[in-house]
Amino acid sequence: MGNKKGALFALASIPLIMTLGNSMLIPILPEISQELGISSLQSSMLITVYGVVAIVLIPIAGYLSDRIGRKKVIVPSLIVTGAGGAVCGAAAWFGEGGGNLVYWIILAGRFIQGIGAAGAFPIVIPFVGDLFDDEKQVSKGLGLIETSNTFGKVLSPILGAALGMVIWYLPFVSIPVLCLAALLLVLFLVKSPDKEEKPEKLAETLHAVKDVLKQEGRWLYSIFAIGGICMFLLFGVLSYLSEQLEVKHGLHGVIKGLVLAIPLAVLCLSSYITGKKIGRNKTAMKWTGVIGMVLSTGSLFGIGLFNNIYFVIGCLVICGSGIGVVLPCADSLITEGIKQEIRGTVTSLYNSMRFIGVSLGPPAVSLLINTSHRVMFFVIAGISLIAVVLILFAVRPNPEQKEDGRTVPRPAPSG
């Protein structure tokens, strides 16, 4: 168990570092635009290209992790991510004042970084499922992974702003250093679980995934959608809050980062507590998730009614706590309900949906903000309500049904 705790610690460092490597750039985007002489749209592409590349490649990385092993995918992915960050840092360092050419080299570095990210954090979730036979330990492990991921979001606006105040491109330079730390932890602390069977060929894997989606599609597609909606809500409302704090309230740099960190810190804490408490009870996972989504939906409707900044932050704290409750439940349901041989492939589809939510949230909010405060948040709350309906009616686990000795969530028989 001691070795597994060390492995879990090493795996938990990956979502923390991947999140920092991307989200640290958000608070310094205005500085990047100014230093390189580019538009705000061009600077935002440094975030978008990372996510788009990851969305496309995550399913491939998931399949490879099923076929050749999780660690064999994670290690080179961390190296590629670090190399991409090094390209960005070197271009900014040596080409300072180079303008448009430096921008395109940095964009290429972010493209490379996105390739590596596809095979890092998304593979961690099925890896935790492989490490433990006890489903209660799996749930705790996944709670820790979500906590680490969220803690990275808490740190990133503060750390990114602080590093950017020293040298504007220092967040880029820090990425290879962070990746090296995670790489060493994985190399020395993580041992891949032994595979009892030979890996399936691509055609066999696709056939197995197709069968799973056909048999379990009702709850699986619902979990995919819920994960994407949670990320859409989180990144959408945070981008709104960031804009409001800067434009309307004159908060910049570390101070703005500290305010943004408040709802994220609550999300982090609720993820950790939920992961420790939900155990192996699939019914409890469902109803805990329902409560979390109801909290998020209600708080978003509340923001639509009142535009006071203190009230908005208070509601976002409630929204963050709700999302923090939902994510470990969704992770556990999807990880523990899929057999090990195709777990990486199926969970990669789930992670692709989460990345899509991350990518769509900010631009959707930037379009909705042109309507009115009330319309914007009523629309966002309506999207959250869809997740409530999905988890309430489509995710119907039956803890008595078992497959290969494992309890799996299945839709209840119709009629």
Protein backbone atom coordinates (compact mmCIF):
# COMPACT_ATOMS: atom_id res chain seq x y z
CA MET A 1 0.00 0.00 0.00
CA GLY A 2 2.93 2.32 0.73
CA ASN A 3 4.15 1.91 -2.86
CA LYS A 4 0.65 2.63 -4.14
CA LYS A 5 0.42 5.79 -2.03
CA GLY A 6 3.71 6.96 -3.53
CA ALA A 7 2.42 6.17 -7.01
CA LEU A 8 -0.81 8.05 -6.30
CA PHE A 9 1.20 11.06 -5.09
CA ALA A 10 3.26 11.01 -8.30
CA LEU A 11 0.16 10.68 -10.48
CA ALA A 12 -1.54 13.52 -8.59
CA SER A 13 1.38 15.80 -9.50
CA ILE A 14 0.48 15.46 -13.20
CA PRO A 15 -2.92 17.23 -13.22
CA LEU A 16 -1.47 19.89 -10.91
CA ILE A 17 1.41 20.61 -13.28
CA MET A 18 -0.67 20.30 -16.47
CA THR A 19 -3.17 22.80 -15.08
CA LEU A 20 -0.45 25.22 -14.01
CA GLY A 21 1.25 24.90 -17.42
CA ASN A 22 -1.91 26.12 -19.16
CA SER A 23 -3.88 28.29 -16.74
CA MET A 24 -0.85 30.30 -15.54
CA LEU A 25 -0.92 32.05 -18.90
CA ILE A 26 -4.46 33.43 -18.48
CA PRO A 27 -3.58 36.33 -16.13
CA ILE A 28 -0.61 37.40 -18.31
CA LEU A 29 -2.40 37.39 -21.69
CA PRO A 30 -2.62 41.23 -21.69
CA GLU A 31 1.16 41.44 -21.06
CA ILE A 32 1.80 38.94 -23.87
CA SER A 33 -0.29 41.05 -26.25
CA GLN A 34 1.61 44.17 -25.26
CA GLU A 35 5.10 42.65 -25.42
CA LEU A 36 4.57 40.93 -28.79
CA GLY A 37 2.42 43.64 -30.33
CA ILE A 38 -0.45 41.27 -31.10
CA SER A 39 -4.22 41.46 -30.66
CA SER A 40 -6.13 39.97 -27.72
CA LEU A 41 -7.62 37.41 -30.12
CA GLN A 42 -4.14 36.28 -31.16
CA SER A 43 -3.01 35.98 -27.54
CA SER A 44 -6.14 33.96 -26.65
CA MET A 45 -5.13 31.49 -29.38
CA LEU A 46 -2.24 30.44 -27.12
CA ILE A 47 -4.88 28.92 -24.83
CA THR A 48 -7.18 27.65 -27.58
CA VAL A 49 -4.56 25.80 -29.65
CA TYR A 50 -3.46 23.84 -26.55
CA GLY A 51 -7.00 22.64 -25.87
CA VAL A 52 -7.94 21.88 -29.49
CA VAL A 53 -4.86 19.71 -30.08
CA ALA A 54 -5.50 17.85 -26.82
CA ILE A 55 -9.16 17.19 -27.71
CA VAL A 56 -8.16 15.56 -31.01
CA LEU A 57 -5.34 13.43 -29.59
CA ILE A 58 -6.79 12.32 -26.23
CA PRO A 59 -8.68 9.30 -27.68
CA ILE A 60 -5.49 8.12 -29.45
CA ALA A 61 -3.51 8.44 -26.23
CA GLY A 62 -6.25 6.55 -24.38
CA TYR A 63 -6.11 3.66 -26.86
CA LEU A 64 -2.30 3.53 -26.70
CA SER A 65 -2.43 3.44 -22.89
CA ASP A 66 -4.73 0.39 -23.10
CA ARG A 67 -2.44 -1.31 -25.60
CA ILE A 68 1.10 -0.56 -24.41
CA GLY A 69 0.53 0.58 -20.81
CA ARG A 70 -0.30 3.83 -19.00
CA LYS A 71 3.23 4.67 -17.86
CA LYS A 72 4.66 4.17 -21.36
CA VAL A 73 2.29 6.88 -22.59
CA ILE A 74 2.61 9.28 -19.65
CA VAL A 75 6.44 9.44 -19.57
CA PRO A 76 7.00 10.55 -23.19
CA SER A 77 3.95 12.84 -22.92
CA LEU A 78 5.54 14.71 -20.02
CA ILE A 79 8.76 15.04 -22.03
CA VAL A 80 6.86 16.43 -25.05
CA THR A 81 4.92 18.85 -22.81
CA GLY A 82 8.16 20.11 -21.27
CA ALA A 83 9.73 20.45 -24.75
CA GLY A 84 6.78 22.53 -25.91
CA GLY A 85 7.13 24.81 -22.91
CA ALA A 86 10.88 25.10 -23.58
CA VAL A 87 10.19 26.21 -27.17
CA CYS A 88 7.83 28.91 -25.87
CA GLY A 89 10.28 30.08 -23.21
CA ALA A 90 13.29 30.11 -25.55
CA ALA A 91 11.39 32.03 -28.24
CA ALA A 92 10.31 34.68 -25.73
CA TRP A 93 13.75 34.85 -24.08
CA PHE A 94 15.98 35.04 -27.16
CA GLY A 95 13.53 36.78 -29.44
CA GLU A 96 12.35 39.51 -27.10
CA GLY A 97 11.05 42.37 -29.20
CA GLY A 98 10.85 40.09 -32.26
CA GLY A 99 7.11 40.65 -32.58
CA ASN A 100 5.07 38.48 -34.94
CA LEU A 101 7.73 35.82 -35.63
CA VAL A 102 8.19 35.20 -31.90
CA TYR A 103 4.42 34.88 -31.54
CA TRP A 104 4.23 32.15 -34.18
CA ILE A 105 7.11 30.22 -32.59
CA ILE A 106 5.39 30.45 -29.20
CA LEU A 107 2.15 29.27 -30.81
CA ALA A 108 4.03 26.29 -32.27
CA GLY A 109 5.42 25.56 -28.82
CA ARG A 110 1.90 25.59 -27.39
CA PHE A 111 0.84 23.18 -30.15
CA ILE A 112 3.62 20.80 -29.07
CA GLN A 113 2.62 21.27 -25.44
CA GLY A 114 -0.97 20.31 -26.30
CA ILE A 115 0.25 17.09 -27.92
CA GLY A 116 1.99 16.14 -24.68
CA ALA A 117 -0.97 17.15 -22.51
CA ALA A 118 -3.23 14.71 -24.37
CA GLY A 119 -1.20 11.77 -23.02
CA ALA A 120 -0.67 13.08 -19.49
CA PHE A 121 -3.61 14.07 -17.28
CA PRO A 122 -6.29 12.11 -19.25
CA ILE A 123 -4.35 8.87 -18.68
CA VAL A 124 -4.11 9.46 -14.94
CA ILE A 125 -7.80 8.71 -14.31
CA PRO A 126 -7.78 5.14 -15.73
CA PHE A 127 -4.34 4.58 -14.16
CA VAL A 128 -5.82 5.16 -10.70
CA GLY A 129 -8.52 2.62 -11.52
CA ASP A 130 -5.79 0.11 -12.41
CA LEU A 131 -3.78 0.69 -9.22
CA PHE A 132 -6.42 -0.37 -6.71
CA ASP A 133 -8.71 -3.40 -6.50
CA ASP A 134 -10.77 -1.88 -3.68
CA GLU A 135 -13.37 0.48 -5.17
CA LYS A 136 -13.30 2.62 -2.02
CA GLN A 137 -9.57 3.24 -2.61
CA VAL A 138 -10.30 4.03 -6.25
CA SER A 139 -12.85 6.67 -5.21
CA LYS A 140 -10.43 8.21 -2.72
CA GLY A 141 -7.67 8.22 -5.32
CA LEU A 142 -9.85 9.88 -7.93
CA GLY A 143 -10.94 12.45 -5.35
CA LEU A 144 -7.27 13.25 -4.75
CA ILE A 145 -6.67 13.55 -8.51
CA GLU A 146 -9.57 16.00 -8.90
CA THR A 147 -8.34 17.90 -5.83
CA SER A 148 -4.88 18.20 -7.35
CA ASN A 149 -6.35 19.32 -10.67
CA THR A 150 -8.46 21.97 -8.92
CA PHE A 151 -5.60 23.05 -6.66
CA GLY A 152 -3.67 23.80 -9.85
CA LYS A 153 -6.55 26.04 -10.92
CA VAL A 154 -6.44 27.77 -7.53
CA LEU A 155 -2.69 28.40 -7.77
CA SER A 156 -2.49 29.28 -11.45
CA PRO A 157 -3.96 32.82 -11.47
CA ILE A 158 -1.89 33.75 -8.41
CA LEU A 159 1.37 32.10 -9.50
CA GLY A 160 0.99 33.18 -13.14
CA ALA A 161 0.46 36.81 -12.14
CA ALA A 162 3.35 36.71 -9.65
CA LEU A 163 5.80 35.18 -12.15
CA GLY A 164 4.62 37.57 -14.87
CA MET A 165 5.41 40.54 -12.64
CA VAL A 166 9.06 39.41 -12.53
CA ILE A 167 9.47 38.69 -16.27
CA TRP A 168 6.47 38.44 -18.58
CA TYR A 169 7.60 35.13 -20.11
CA LEU A 170 8.63 33.45 -16.84
CA PRO A 171 5.45 31.28 -16.78
CA PHE A 172 6.62 29.76 -20.10
CA VAL A 173 10.11 29.08 -18.71
CA SER A 174 8.64 27.38 -15.64
CA ILE A 175 6.75 24.74 -17.67
CA PRO A 176 9.74 22.45 -18.48
CA VAL A 177 10.89 22.70 -14.85
CA LEU A 178 7.45 21.60 -13.60
CA CYS A 179 7.28 18.78 -16.16
CA LEU A 180 10.74 17.53 -15.11
CA ALA A 181 9.56 17.34 -11.48
CA ALA A 182 6.49 15.29 -12.48
CA LEU A 183 8.60 13.09 -14.77
CA LEU A 184 11.04 12.19 -11.97
CA LEU A 185 8.18 11.38 -9.60
CA VAL A 186 6.52 9.09 -12.16
CA LEU A 187 9.79 7.35 -13.10
CA PHE A 188 10.75 6.53 -9.52
CA LEU A 189 7.42 6.09 -7.74
CA VAL A 190 5.02 4.62 -10.30
CA LYS A 191 5.07 0.98 -11.29
CA SER A 192 2.59 -0.10 -13.92
CA PRO A 193 0.21 -2.87 -12.78
CA ASP A 194 0.98 -6.18 -14.48
CA LYS A 195 -1.29 -6.98 -17.41
CA GLU A 196 -2.72 -10.49 -17.17
CA GLU A 197 -3.81 -10.62 -20.80
CA LYS A 198 -2.23 -9.65 -24.10
CA PRO A 199 -3.36 -6.21 -25.29
CA GLU A 200 -6.23 -6.20 -27.75
CA LYS A 201 -5.68 -5.16 -31.34
CA LEU A 202 -7.19 -1.92 -32.62
CA ALA A 203 -10.13 -3.66 -34.30
CA GLU A 204 -10.85 -5.67 -31.14
CA THR A 205 -10.62 -2.56 -28.97
CA LEU A 206 -12.96 -0.60 -31.24
CA HIS A 207 -15.40 -3.51 -31.25
CA ALA A 208 -15.26 -3.75 -27.46
CA VAL A 209 -15.77 0.01 -27.07
CA LYS A 210 -18.67 -0.11 -29.54
CA ASP A 211 -20.28 -2.91 -27.52
CA VAL A 212 -19.83 -1.03 -24.26
CA LEU A 213 -21.31 2.15 -25.72
CA LYS A 214 -24.21 0.15 -27.15
CA GLN A 215 -24.95 -1.63 -23.86
CA GLU A 216 -24.10 1.15 -21.42
CA GLY A 217 -24.56 4.18 -23.68
CA ARG A 218 -27.39 5.73 -21.69
CA TRP A 219 -25.35 6.43 -18.56
CA LEU A 220 -21.96 6.72 -20.30
CA TYR A 221 -23.07 9.46 -22.70
CA SER A 222 -24.73 11.22 -19.78
CA ILE A 223 -21.49 11.18 -17.76
CA PHE A 224 -19.59 12.47 -20.82
CA ALA A 225 -22.05 15.36 -21.14
CA ILE A 226 -22.03 16.12 -17.40
CA GLY A 227 -18.21 16.33 -17.36
CA GLY A 228 -18.25 18.69 -20.35
CA ILE A 229 -21.00 20.86 -18.82
CA CYS A 230 -19.13 21.15 -15.51
CA MET A 231 -15.99 22.41 -17.26
CA PHE A 232 -18.07 24.73 -19.47
CA LEU A 233 -19.68 26.27 -16.38
CA LEU A 234 -16.41 26.58 -14.47
CA PHE A 235 -14.30 28.21 -17.17
CA GLY A 236 -17.17 30.28 -18.53
CA VAL A 237 -18.09 31.95 -15.24
CA LEU A 238 -14.44 32.38 -14.23
CA SER A 239 -13.71 34.22 -17.49
CA TYR A 240 -16.71 36.46 -16.75
CA LEU A 241 -15.53 37.12 -13.19
CA SER A 242 -11.99 37.85 -14.39
CA GLU A 243 -13.29 40.44 -16.87
CA GLN A 244 -15.60 42.05 -14.31
CA LEU A 245 -12.87 42.30 -11.66
CA GLU A 246 -10.51 44.02 -14.06
CA VAL A 247 -12.86 46.30 -16.03
CA LYS A 248 -15.43 47.27 -13.39
CA HIS A 249 -13.48 46.96 -10.15
CA GLY A 250 -9.92 47.78 -11.18
CA LEU A 251 -8.35 44.61 -9.77
CA HIS A 252 -5.22 43.35 -11.52
CA GLY A 253 -2.35 40.90 -11.08
CA VAL A 254 -2.04 38.92 -7.87
CA ILE A 255 -5.02 40.63 -6.19
CA LYS A 256 -7.32 39.58 -9.03
CA GLY A 257 -5.81 36.10 -8.90
CA LEU A 258 -6.56 35.83 -5.18
CA VAL A 259 -10.22 36.73 -5.73
CA LEU A 260 -10.52 34.23 -8.60
CA ALA A 261 -8.97 31.59 -6.35
CA ILE A 262 -11.80 31.83 -3.77
CA PRO A 263 -14.44 29.72 -5.61
CA LEU A 264 -11.69 27.44 -6.93
CA ALA A 265 -10.39 26.78 -3.40
CA VAL A 266 -13.90 25.77 -2.32
CA LEU A 267 -14.15 23.51 -5.38
CA CYS A 268 -10.81 21.94 -4.43
CA LEU A 269 -11.95 21.27 -0.85
CA SER A 270 -15.31 19.80 -1.88
CA SER A 271 -13.59 17.48 -4.40
CA TYR A 272 -11.25 16.20 -1.71
CA ILE A 273 -14.01 15.60 0.84
CA THR A 274 -16.33 13.95 -1.70
CA GLY A 275 -13.59 11.62 -2.92
CA LYS A 276 -12.94 10.46 0.64
CA LYS A 277 -16.59 9.99 1.57
CA ILE A 278 -18.41 8.47 -1.42
CA GLY A 279 -16.67 5.07 -1.15
CA ARG A 280 -18.02 2.35 -3.44
CA ASN A 281 -21.73 3.12 -3.21
CA LYS A 282 -22.89 3.86 -6.77
CA THR A 283 -26.30 5.07 -5.61
CA ALA A 284 -24.61 7.51 -3.23
CA MET A 285 -22.43 8.72 -6.10
CA LYS A 286 -25.50 9.46 -8.18
CA TRP A 287 -27.43 11.35 -5.50
CA THR A 288 -24.34 13.21 -4.33
CA GLY A 289 -23.84 14.29 -7.94
CA VAL A 290 -27.49 15.38 -8.16
CA ILE A 291 -27.07 17.55 -5.05
CA GLY A 292 -23.89 19.09 -6.49
CA MET A 293 -25.51 19.96 -9.82
CA VAL A 294 -28.61 21.39 -8.09
CA LEU A 295 -26.36 23.64 -6.00
CA SER A 296 -24.54 24.84 -9.12
CA THR A 297 -27.76 25.42 -11.06
CA GLY A 298 -29.45 27.30 -8.23
CA SER A 299 -26.44 29.56 -7.63
CA LEU A 300 -26.21 30.43 -11.35
CA PHE A 301 -29.91 31.35 -11.46
CA GLY A 302 -29.24 33.48 -8.38
CA ILE A 303 -26.44 35.39 -10.12
CA GLY A 304 -28.88 36.14 -12.93
CA LEU A 305 -31.19 37.91 -10.47
CA PHE A 306 -28.62 40.13 -8.74
CA ASN A 307 -25.48 41.76 -10.15
CA ASN A 308 -23.78 42.82 -6.90
CA ILE A 309 -20.14 41.67 -7.05
CA TYR A 310 -20.15 40.29 -3.50
CA PHE A 311 -23.34 38.35 -4.19
CA VAL A 312 -21.84 37.04 -7.46
CA ILE A 313 -18.69 35.81 -5.70
CA GLY A 314 -20.80 34.19 -2.96
CA CYS A 315 -22.91 32.36 -5.54
CA LEU A 316 -19.79 31.28 -7.43
CA VAL A 317 -18.47 29.78 -4.18
CA ILE A 318 -21.67 27.68 -4.01
CA CYS A 319 -21.36 26.83 -7.72
CA GLY A 320 -17.72 25.79 -7.21
CA SER A 321 -18.63 23.56 -4.27
CA GLY A 322 -21.33 21.90 -6.37
CA ILE A 323 -18.99 21.21 -9.30
CA GLY A 324 -16.37 19.95 -6.84
CA VAL A 325 -18.90 17.43 -5.53
CA VAL A 326 -19.95 16.24 -9.00
CA LEU A 327 -16.55 15.59 -10.61
CA PRO A 328 -15.23 12.83 -8.28
CA CYS A 329 -18.61 11.08 -8.52
CA ALA A 330 -18.52 11.19 -12.33
CA ASP A 331 -14.88 10.03 -12.38
CA SER A 332 -15.65 7.09 -10.08
CA LEU A 333 -18.77 5.98 -11.94
CA ILE A 334 -17.04 5.94 -15.31
CA THR A 335 -13.73 4.46 -14.10
CA GLU A 336 -15.11 1.69 -11.92
CA GLY A 337 -17.80 0.74 -14.41
CA ILE A 338 -15.45 -0.05 -17.33
CA LYS A 339 -13.18 -3.08 -17.55
CA GLN A 340 -9.43 -2.42 -17.47
CA GLU A 341 -8.71 -3.47 -21.08
CA ILE A 342 -10.68 -0.56 -22.58
CA ARG A 343 -10.77 1.78 -19.59
CA GLY A 344 -8.21 4.19 -21.06
CA THR A 345 -10.06 4.45 -24.38
CA VAL A 346 -13.48 5.08 -22.80
CA THR A 347 -12.23 7.54 -20.17
CA SER A 348 -10.33 9.39 -22.91
CA LEU A 349 -13.68 10.15 -24.56
CA TYR A 350 -14.86 11.51 -21.22
CA ASN A 351 -11.75 13.68 -20.91
CA SER A 352 -12.18 14.94 -24.47
CA MET A 353 -15.65 16.16 -23.49
CA ARG A 354 -14.15 17.93 -20.48
CA PHE A 355 -11.61 19.67 -22.72
CA ILE A 356 -14.41 20.69 -25.10
CA GLY A 357 -16.19 22.27 -22.13
CA VAL A 358 -13.00 24.14 -21.21
CA SER A 359 -12.63 25.41 -24.78
CA LEU A 360 -16.28 26.45 -25.25
CA GLY A 361 -16.92 28.14 -21.89
CA PRO A 362 -15.01 31.45 -22.31
CA PRO A 363 -16.04 32.19 -25.93
CA ALA A 364 -19.69 31.34 -25.16
CA VAL A 365 -19.68 33.76 -22.23
CA SER A 366 -18.01 36.45 -24.35
CA LEU A 367 -20.91 36.15 -26.83
CA LEU A 368 -23.63 36.02 -24.15
CA ILE A 369 -22.22 39.04 -22.32
CA ASN A 370 -23.42 41.17 -25.26
CA THR A 371 -27.04 40.35 -24.35
CA SER A 372 -27.65 41.17 -20.69
CA HIS A 373 -26.47 39.96 -17.30
CA ARG A 374 -29.78 38.23 -16.62
CA VAL A 375 -30.06 36.53 -20.01
CA MET A 376 -26.45 35.35 -19.88
CA PHE A 377 -26.74 33.66 -16.49
CA PHE A 378 -30.21 32.26 -17.13
CA VAL A 379 -28.84 30.59 -20.28
CA ILE A 380 -25.80 29.25 -18.37
CA ALA A 381 -28.06 28.04 -15.54
CA GLY A 382 -30.30 26.34 -18.13
CA ILE A 383 -27.28 24.42 -19.43
CA SER A 384 -26.50 23.40 -15.84
CA LEU A 385 -30.11 22.26 -15.45
CA ILE A 386 -29.59 19.88 -18.38
CA ALA A 387 -26.85 18.17 -16.35
CA VAL A 388 -29.26 17.85 -13.39
CA VAL A 389 -31.80 16.11 -15.63
CA LEU A 390 -29.17 13.80 -17.12
CA ILE A 391 -27.75 12.64 -13.80
CA LEU A 392 -31.24 12.34 -12.30
CA PHE A 393 -32.90 10.29 -15.04
CA ALA A 394 -30.17 8.78 -17.26
CA VAL A 395 -27.61 7.70 -14.65
CA ARG A 396 -29.42 4.92 -12.81
CA PRO A 397 -26.86 2.60 -11.19
CA ASN A 398 -27.91 -0.78 -9.90
CA PRO A 399 -25.30 -1.83 -7.27
CA GLU A 400 -26.46 -5.46 -7.35
CA GLN A 401 -25.42 -6.04 -10.96
CA LYS A 402 -21.85 -7.22 -11.39
CA GLU A 403 -19.53 -7.78 -14.31
CA ASP A 404 -16.24 -9.66 -14.01
CA GLY A 405 -16.52 -9.41 -10.23
CA ARG A 406 -16.91 -5.61 -10.29
CA THR A 407 -19.98 -3.61 -9.41
CA VAL A 408 -20.99 -1.57 -12.43
CA PRO A 409 -23.51 1.23 -12.89
CA ARG A 410 -26.18 0.32 -15.40
CA PRO A 411 -29.45 1.91 -16.45
CA ALA A 412 -32.40 0.35 -14.67
CA PRO A 413 -34.50 -1.87 -16.95
CA SER A 414 -37.11 0.12 -18.83
CA GLY A 415 -40.72 -0.39 -17.77
